[in-house]
């Protein structure tokens, strides 16, 4: 299971819903989340991630997983820095993160983006 799926599942649980109901409400095919759960994909499209984040009223970054420890510091810093950006540049930042995630998916396990 992917950390992103785990996070979405936890958000559903906290809101008293489930993945299927959330998908129906958002018009997202359930199969997209099934692929994520099975590990056949590691991330969602930016459009779907934004829909899900808005559904739960959380930042898109939250869907990357509920970080702990040093990772919390990273996400706190990223969030604080992003607040200083205008709307266009925040969108560009999210697009860049999405591009990095897609590039990472195409690499063999354990390899980093050059």
Protein backbone atom coordinates (compact mmCIF):
# COMPACT_ATOMS: atom_id res chain seq x y z
CA UNK A 1 0.00 0.00 0.00
CA UNK A 2 1.24 3.50 -0.73
CA UNK A 3 1.72 6.18 1.94
CA UNK A 4 -0.58 8.43 -0.10
CA UNK A 5 -3.37 5.83 -0.05
CA UNK A 6 -2.83 5.28 3.69
CA UNK A 7 -3.18 9.01 4.29
CA UNK A 8 -6.38 9.26 2.22
CA UNK A 9 -7.83 6.24 3.98
CA UNK A 10 -7.05 7.81 7.37
CA UNK A 11 -8.64 11.11 6.30
CA UNK A 12 -11.75 9.18 5.24
CA UNK A 13 -11.86 7.37 8.57
CA UNK A 14 -11.59 10.66 10.48
CA UNK A 15 -14.42 12.14 8.44
CA UNK A 16 -16.61 9.07 8.83
CA UNK A 17 -16.58 8.10 5.18
CA UNK A 18 -14.77 5.60 2.99
CA UNK A 19 -12.72 5.65 -0.21
CA UNK A 20 -15.63 4.55 -2.43
CA UNK A 21 -18.00 7.23 -1.11
CA UNK A 22 -15.32 9.90 -1.41
CA UNK A 23 -14.60 8.88 -5.03
CA UNK A 24 -18.31 9.00 -5.87
CA UNK A 25 -18.68 12.46 -4.29
CA UNK A 26 -15.69 13.79 -6.24
CA UNK A 27 -16.33 12.06 -9.55
CA UNK A 28 -13.01 10.22 -9.37
CA UNK A 29 -12.98 6.63 -10.69
CA UNK A 30 -12.53 4.22 -7.76
CA UNK A 31 -10.02 2.30 -9.90
CA UNK A 32 -7.53 5.17 -9.57
CA UNK A 33 -7.43 4.67 -5.81
CA UNK A 34 -7.34 0.88 -6.22
CA UNK A 35 -4.22 1.25 -8.40
CA UNK A 36 -2.68 3.49 -5.75
CA UNK A 37 -3.51 1.01 -2.99
CA UNK A 38 -2.05 -1.92 -4.96
CA UNK A 39 1.16 0.02 -5.58
CA UNK A 40 0.76 0.03 -9.36
CA UNK A 41 0.87 3.82 -9.14
CA UNK A 42 2.57 5.87 -6.45
CA UNK A 43 0.77 9.17 -6.79
CA UNK A 44 -2.35 10.84 -8.13
CA UNK A 45 -2.73 13.41 -10.85
CA UNK A 46 -2.49 16.94 -9.53
CA UNK A 47 -6.15 17.48 -10.46
CA UNK A 48 -7.32 14.47 -8.40
CA UNK A 49 -4.99 15.28 -5.51
CA UNK A 50 -6.41 18.80 -5.39
CA UNK A 51 -9.99 17.48 -5.42
CA UNK A 52 -9.27 15.07 -2.56
CA UNK A 53 -7.37 17.68 -0.55
CA UNK A 54 -10.25 20.14 -0.97
CA UNK A 55 -12.76 17.43 0.05
CA UNK A 56 -10.92 17.02 3.37
CA UNK A 57 -9.94 20.70 3.62
CA UNK A 58 -6.24 19.88 3.90
CA UNK A 59 -3.23 21.03 1.86
CA UNK A 60 -2.28 18.77 -1.06
CA UNK A 61 1.02 18.13 0.72
CA UNK A 62 -0.89 16.25 3.42
CA UNK A 63 -1.71 13.56 0.86
CA UNK A 64 1.98 12.76 0.55
CA UNK A 65 1.65 11.03 3.89
CA UNK A 66 1.48 11.89 7.50
CA UNK A 67 5.12 12.58 8.23
CA UNK A 68 6.77 12.12 11.58
CA UNK A 69 9.92 13.53 13.18
CA UNK A 70 12.42 15.18 10.82
CA UNK A 71 9.96 14.88 7.96
CA UNK A 72 7.53 17.02 9.98
CA UNK A 73 10.18 19.74 10.07
CA UNK A 74 10.62 19.47 6.32
CA UNK A 75 6.89 19.83 5.60
CA UNK A 76 6.54 22.66 8.11
CA UNK A 77 9.39 24.52 6.44
CA UNK A 78 8.01 23.83 2.98
CA UNK A 79 4.58 25.05 4.02
CA UNK A 80 5.98 28.22 5.62
CA UNK A 81 8.06 29.00 2.54
CA UNK A 82 5.15 28.31 0.18
CA UNK A 83 2.96 30.78 2.05
CA UNK A 84 5.31 33.52 0.83
CA UNK A 85 4.59 32.66 -2.81
CA UNK A 86 1.84 34.19 -4.89
CA UNK A 87 -0.92 31.92 -6.19
CA UNK A 88 0.74 31.35 -9.59
CA UNK A 89 4.02 30.31 -8.00
CA UNK A 90 2.30 28.04 -5.47
CA UNK A 91 0.63 26.29 -8.42
CA UNK A 92 4.02 25.99 -10.15
CA UNK A 93 5.50 24.50 -6.97
CA UNK A 94 2.75 21.86 -6.82
CA UNK A 95 3.22 21.13 -10.52
CA UNK A 96 6.97 20.70 -9.96
CA UNK A 97 6.38 18.34 -7.04
CA UNK A 98 4.01 16.32 -9.21
CA UNK A 99 6.62 16.15 -12.01
CA UNK A 100 9.23 14.93 -9.52
CA UNK A 101 6.88 12.23 -8.23
CA UNK A 102 6.15 11.04 -11.76
CA UNK A 103 9.87 10.98 -12.60
CA UNK A 104 10.59 9.06 -9.41
CA UNK A 105 7.94 6.46 -10.34
CA UNK A 106 9.70 5.72 -13.60
CA UNK A 107 13.00 4.87 -11.88
CA UNK A 108 13.97 1.45 -10.59
CA UNK A 109 13.49 1.12 -6.83
CA UNK A 110 16.24 2.73 -4.83
CA UNK A 111 17.47 5.04 -7.60
CA UNK A 112 17.26 8.80 -7.27
CA UNK A 113 16.40 11.41 -9.85
CA UNK A 114 19.69 12.64 -11.34
